[in-house]
Amino acid sequence: MKQEILNRKGARKVMDIPDEVLDLLNHGKIETVNLTEWLAVDHVELINNNLTHIVIPENVSSQLIEKIKKQKAPTTMNTIRLVGASLYDYLQGKKELDTAREILTHHTSDSIRCYAPFLTGLDQQLSISQKLHQAQALVADKHFGVREIVWMALRPEIDLNLEQAIEILSGWTSSKDENIRRFTTESIRPRGVWCKHIERLKTEPELALPVLEKLKADPSKYVQGSVGNWLNDASKTSPDFVEHLCERWQSESADKNTEKIIRKALRTLNKG
């Protein structure tokens, strides 16, 4: 592999992605390095080059490709969700499910790793504890795209098992990995982005305190942003809760990291 390809910054426009890079991406040989590349991946080629015969037989692969082509809103996000769900539909109840999940989870291609969380999130044989434990490698993935997909894939199950999930996630707040710590708040944002709202947390934000309290002075900007966004979400339906919590944090801690979180948390309320 050419070193300049591995160390590339990534094109700003799809049309500027070198043919060699795009071919390697579509063959699952390299990771995307920015959003432009992530959106440019051809999932039909990716499936043909990587999943056919290894994870699914050719006839199932052909059916899946037809589904992709017939989408009414063929965005990258919708395609990934469709592929992940379709793979689970085929593999559920089969002994090959665990093997397929391992192949997807540890694949070189970040786009293929994005399919993996759906094989966990949709598996009704797993408890919420098992799902979170099983997905932790993806939660800690070094690629931004995988990390975003994994919380979206697990969020419906987290919503259905909110108290238990928050108890587990509270323990994750002590992880040395900032990606894991960030997941604890990002996966349970009351409103979130590109996802269904968690209605209980919009009206009962105090349920998330076991997670929020442990991250109020987190040193990572990545985590600080997520905690601040969580509270900003909550401020739109439970402004008193957010104001009182931020006041208490200010009185309890003069920490600069807490101050950054509070500024982000109150940005909507301060506009009013």
Protein backbone atom coordinates (compact mmCIF):
# COMPACT_ATOMS: atom_id res chain seq x y z
CA MET A 1 0.00 0.00 0.00
CA LYS A 2 1.36 3.41 -0.95
CA GLN A 3 2.20 5.49 2.11
CA GLU A 4 0.69 8.62 0.54
CA ILE A 5 -2.66 6.83 0.28
CA LEU A 6 -2.61 5.74 3.92
CA ASN A 7 -1.58 9.23 5.06
CA ARG A 8 -3.98 11.17 2.80
CA LYS A 9 -6.16 13.94 4.23
CA GLY A 10 -9.09 13.15 1.97
CA ALA A 11 -10.72 15.13 -0.82
CA ARG A 12 -13.28 17.82 -0.10
CA LYS A 13 -15.47 16.82 -3.03
CA VAL A 14 -16.43 13.34 -4.22
CA MET A 15 -15.31 14.15 -7.77
CA ASP A 16 -11.81 14.88 -6.43
CA ILE A 17 -11.31 11.46 -4.80
CA PRO A 18 -8.55 9.68 -6.79
CA ASP A 19 -9.77 6.61 -8.68
CA GLU A 20 -7.22 4.42 -6.90
CA VAL A 21 -8.47 5.52 -3.49
CA LEU A 22 -12.13 5.02 -4.44
CA ASP A 23 -11.36 1.55 -5.78
CA LEU A 24 -9.59 0.58 -2.55
CA LEU A 25 -12.51 1.94 -0.50
CA ASN A 26 -15.05 -0.02 -2.53
CA HIS A 27 -12.94 -3.18 -2.17
CA GLY A 28 -12.80 -2.72 1.60
CA LYS A 29 -9.00 -2.45 1.63
CA ILE A 30 -8.72 0.91 3.40
CA GLU A 31 -10.76 3.13 5.73
CA THR A 32 -12.38 6.41 4.80
CA VAL A 33 -10.60 9.44 6.28
CA ASN A 34 -13.37 12.04 6.11
CA LEU A 35 -17.09 12.46 5.57
CA THR A 36 -16.68 13.01 1.82
CA GLU A 37 -15.08 9.60 1.37
CA TRP A 38 -17.57 7.96 3.75
CA LEU A 39 -20.45 9.24 1.65
CA ALA A 40 -18.76 8.23 -1.61
CA VAL A 41 -18.42 4.51 -0.84
CA ASP A 42 -20.46 2.31 -3.20
CA HIS A 43 -22.11 -0.21 -0.88
CA VAL A 44 -23.16 -2.42 -3.77
CA GLU A 45 -19.52 -2.88 -4.77
CA LEU A 46 -18.52 -3.23 -1.13
CA ILE A 47 -20.96 -6.09 -0.60
CA ASN A 48 -19.98 -7.85 -3.82
CA ASN A 49 -16.29 -7.56 -3.02
CA ASN A 50 -16.44 -8.52 0.65
CA LEU A 51 -19.64 -10.14 1.94
CA THR A 52 -20.74 -12.46 -0.86
CA HIS A 53 -19.74 -16.07 -0.02
CA ILE A 54 -17.99 -14.96 3.21
CA VAL A 55 -21.01 -13.73 5.20
CA ILE A 56 -23.97 -14.37 2.89
CA PRO A 57 -24.50 -16.58 -0.19
CA GLU A 58 -24.68 -15.08 -3.66
CA ASN A 59 -28.47 -15.31 -3.98
CA VAL A 60 -28.98 -13.42 -0.69
CA SER A 61 -26.37 -10.88 -1.75
CA SER A 62 -28.25 -10.31 -5.02
CA GLN A 63 -31.53 -9.76 -3.16
CA LEU A 64 -29.84 -7.29 -0.81
CA ILE A 65 -28.32 -5.36 -3.69
CA GLU A 66 -31.76 -5.09 -5.29
CA LYS A 67 -33.12 -3.65 -2.03
CA ILE A 68 -30.34 -1.07 -2.02
CA LYS A 69 -31.08 -0.03 -5.60
CA LYS A 70 -34.83 0.25 -4.97
CA GLN A 71 -34.53 2.61 -1.99
CA LYS A 72 -36.68 5.72 -2.23
CA ALA A 73 -34.23 7.74 -0.14
CA PRO A 74 -30.81 6.18 -0.84
CA THR A 75 -28.62 8.06 1.63
CA THR A 76 -25.50 6.46 3.09
CA MET A 77 -27.16 6.29 6.51
CA ASN A 78 -30.28 4.61 5.14
CA THR A 79 -28.19 2.17 3.11
CA ILE A 80 -26.09 1.15 6.10
CA ARG A 81 -29.22 0.64 8.19
CA LEU A 82 -30.82 -1.39 5.39
CA VAL A 83 -27.77 -3.60 4.93
CA GLY A 84 -27.31 -4.18 8.65
CA ALA A 85 -30.98 -5.06 9.18
CA SER A 86 -31.07 -7.30 6.09
CA LEU A 87 -27.96 -9.19 7.19
CA TYR A 88 -29.55 -9.77 10.58
CA ASP A 89 -32.82 -10.93 9.00
CA TYR A 90 -30.91 -13.56 7.06
CA LEU A 91 -28.52 -14.62 9.85
CA GLN A 92 -30.85 -14.62 12.87
CA GLY A 93 -31.18 -18.08 14.39
CA LYS A 94 -28.26 -19.38 12.33
CA LYS A 95 -24.99 -20.61 13.81
CA GLU A 96 -23.16 -18.29 11.39
CA LEU A 97 -24.50 -15.17 13.14
CA ASP A 98 -21.69 -14.88 15.69
CA THR A 99 -19.02 -15.53 13.06
CA ALA A 100 -20.49 -12.91 10.75
CA ARG A 101 -20.66 -10.41 13.61
CA GLU A 102 -16.95 -10.96 14.32
CA ILE A 103 -16.01 -10.57 10.66
CA LEU A 104 -17.92 -7.31 10.36
CA THR A 105 -16.73 -5.91 13.70
CA HIS A 106 -13.04 -6.35 12.90
CA HIS A 107 -13.05 -5.68 9.17
CA THR A 108 -10.50 -3.25 7.72
CA SER A 109 -13.29 -1.21 6.10
CA ASP A 110 -15.03 1.20 8.45
CA SER A 111 -18.07 1.08 6.14
CA ILE A 112 -18.36 -2.67 6.71
CA ARG A 113 -17.84 -2.26 10.46
CA CYS A 114 -20.86 0.06 10.35
CA TYR A 115 -23.08 -2.93 9.49
CA ALA A 116 -22.01 -4.84 12.60
CA PRO A 117 -23.96 -3.01 15.36
CA PHE A 118 -27.26 -3.96 13.77
CA LEU A 119 -26.45 -7.65 14.19
CA THR A 120 -26.26 -6.91 17.90
CA GLY A 121 -28.94 -4.26 18.30
CA LEU A 122 -31.61 -6.32 16.54
CA ASP A 123 -30.76 -9.63 18.22
CA GLN A 124 -33.73 -10.37 20.49
CA GLN A 125 -31.86 -13.28 22.08
CA LEU A 126 -29.55 -10.80 23.82
CA SER A 127 -30.31 -8.74 26.94
CA ILE A 128 -29.47 -5.03 27.00
CA SER A 129 -26.43 -5.88 29.14
CA GLN A 130 -25.22 -8.42 26.59
CA LYS A 131 -25.83 -6.03 23.70
CA LEU A 132 -23.84 -3.23 25.30
CA HIS A 133 -21.02 -5.56 26.27
CA GLN A 134 -20.90 -7.10 22.81
CA ALA A 135 -20.87 -3.70 21.10
CA GLN A 136 -18.12 -2.19 23.24
CA ALA A 137 -15.40 -2.83 20.64
CA LEU A 138 -17.43 -0.79 18.15
CA VAL A 139 -18.18 1.88 20.77
CA ALA A 140 -14.40 2.28 21.14
CA ASP A 141 -13.75 2.18 17.38
CA LYS A 142 -11.23 4.76 16.21
CA HIS A 143 -13.36 5.74 13.24
CA PHE A 144 -15.94 8.53 13.60
CA GLY A 145 -18.47 6.86 11.29
CA VAL A 146 -18.56 3.59 13.20
CA ARG A 147 -18.97 5.37 16.53
CA GLU A 148 -21.95 7.34 15.25
CA ILE A 149 -23.65 4.28 13.77
CA VAL A 150 -23.22 2.11 16.85
CA TRP A 151 -25.15 4.40 19.20
CA MET A 152 -27.91 4.80 16.62
CA ALA A 153 -28.19 1.02 16.24
CA LEU A 154 -28.38 0.41 19.99
CA ARG A 155 -30.46 3.44 20.97
CA PRO A 156 -33.91 1.79 20.44
CA GLU A 157 -32.98 -1.01 22.85
CA ILE A 158 -31.50 1.46 25.31
CA ASP A 159 -34.77 3.38 25.22
CA LEU A 160 -36.76 0.22 25.94
CA ASN A 161 -34.48 -0.69 28.88
CA LEU A 162 -33.61 2.80 30.07
CA GLU A 163 -32.93 2.33 33.79
CA GLN A 164 -30.84 -0.80 33.28
CA ALA A 165 -28.94 0.76 30.40
CA ILE A 166 -28.15 3.90 32.41
CA GLU A 167 -26.89 1.77 35.28
CA ILE A 168 -24.49 -0.02 32.91
CA LEU A 169 -23.45 3.19 31.15
CA SER A 170 -22.75 4.82 34.51
CA GLY A 171 -20.02 2.24 35.02
CA TRP A 172 -18.57 3.05 31.60
CA THR A 173 -17.99 6.69 32.60
CA SER A 174 -14.79 5.63 34.36
CA SER A 175 -13.28 4.16 31.18
CA LYS A 176 -9.88 5.47 30.10
CA ASP A 177 -11.20 5.59 26.54
CA GLU A 178 -12.87 8.90 25.74
CA ASN A 179 -14.90 7.24 22.98
CA ILE A 180 -16.52 4.90 25.51
CA ARG A 181 -17.17 7.75 27.94
CA ARG A 182 -18.70 9.85 25.17
CA PHE A 183 -21.04 7.00 24.20
CA THR A 184 -22.60 7.04 27.68
CA THR A 185 -24.21 10.43 27.01
CA GLU A 186 -24.46 10.44 23.22
CA SER A 187 -26.50 7.21 23.17
CA ILE A 188 -29.08 8.62 25.60
CA ARG A 189 -29.43 12.22 24.44
CA PRO A 190 -33.07 13.23 25.00
CA ARG A 191 -33.45 14.61 21.49
CA GLY A 192 -30.36 13.53 19.60
CA VAL A 193 -29.55 13.89 15.92
CA TRP A 194 -30.95 11.71 13.10
CA CYS A 195 -32.81 9.58 15.62
CA LYS A 196 -36.06 9.16 17.54
CA HIS A 197 -36.26 11.17 20.75
CA ILE A 198 -36.19 9.43 24.12
CA GLU A 199 -39.39 10.88 25.49
CA ARG A 200 -38.86 9.87 29.13
CA LEU A 201 -35.57 11.75 29.28
CA LYS A 202 -37.24 14.87 27.89
CA THR A 203 -39.63 14.91 30.86
CA GLU A 204 -37.54 12.98 33.43
CA PRO A 205 -33.95 14.11 32.75
CA GLU A 206 -32.97 13.25 36.33
CA LEU A 207 -32.90 9.59 35.27
CA ALA A 208 -29.58 10.30 33.54
CA LEU A 209 -27.88 11.84 36.59
CA PRO A 210 -25.87 8.66 37.34
CA VAL A 211 -24.08 9.28 34.03
CA LEU A 212 -24.05 13.07 33.93
CA GLU A 213 -22.66 13.57 37.44
CA LYS A 214 -19.62 11.43 36.70
CA LEU A 215 -18.76 13.40 33.56
CA LYS A 216 -19.31 16.95 34.82
CA ALA A 217 -15.56 17.69 34.81
CA ASP A 218 -14.38 15.29 32.10
CA PRO A 219 -11.06 16.46 30.61
CA SER A 220 -11.92 15.38 27.03
CA LYS A 221 -13.37 18.02 24.69
CA TYR A 222 -15.11 15.19 22.85
CA VAL A 223 -16.91 14.15 26.02
CA GLN A 224 -17.53 17.71 27.18
CA GLY A 225 -19.31 18.44 23.91
CA SER A 226 -21.60 15.46 24.30
CA VAL A 227 -22.48 16.26 27.94
CA GLY A 228 -23.15 19.88 27.02
CA ASN A 229 -25.33 18.81 24.09
CA TRP A 230 -27.22 16.38 26.34
CA LEU A 231 -28.11 19.18 28.74
CA ASN A 232 -28.93 21.57 25.92
CA ASP A 233 -31.36 18.96 24.59
CA ALA A 234 -32.94 18.66 28.02
CA SER A 235 -33.18 22.44 28.43
CA LYS A 236 -35.80 22.58 25.66
CA THR A 237 -38.31 20.57 27.69
CA SER A 238 -36.96 20.72 31.26
CA PRO A 239 -35.25 24.12 31.57
CA ASP A 240 -35.51 24.27 35.38
CA PHE A 241 -33.69 20.97 35.75
CA VAL A 242 -30.80 22.13 33.57
CA GLU A 243 -30.53 25.55 35.22
CA HIS A 244 -30.52 24.11 38.74
CA LEU A 245 -28.02 21.39 37.83
CA CYS A 246 -25.65 23.88 36.23
CA GLU A 247 -25.94 26.20 39.24
CA ARG A 248 -25.10 23.33 41.57
CA TRP A 249 -22.13 22.24 39.46
CA GLN A 250 -20.82 25.80 39.44
CA SER A 251 -21.05 26.03 43.22
CA GLU A 252 -19.49 22.60 43.76
CA SER A 253 -16.66 22.92 41.24
CA ALA A 254 -14.53 25.73 39.88
CA ASP A 255 -13.17 23.31 37.29
CA LYS A 256 -12.58 24.82 33.84
CA ASN A 257 -13.87 21.65 32.20
CA THR A 258 -17.17 21.99 34.05
CA GLU A 259 -17.41 25.61 32.93
CA LYS A 260 -17.04 24.55 29.29
CA ILE A 261 -19.84 22.01 29.67
CA ILE A 262 -22.11 24.55 31.37
CA ARG A 263 -21.60 27.14 28.63
CA LYS A 264 -22.60 24.58 26.02
CA ALA A 265 -25.50 23.34 28.14
CA LEU A 266 -27.05 26.78 28.58
CA ARG A 267 -26.61 28.10 25.05
CA THR A 268 -30.27 27.76 24.11
CA LEU A 269 -31.56 29.13 27.43
CA ASN A 270 -29.16 32.08 27.25
CA LYS A 271 -30.50 33.03 23.82
CA GLY A 272 -33.90 33.57 25.36
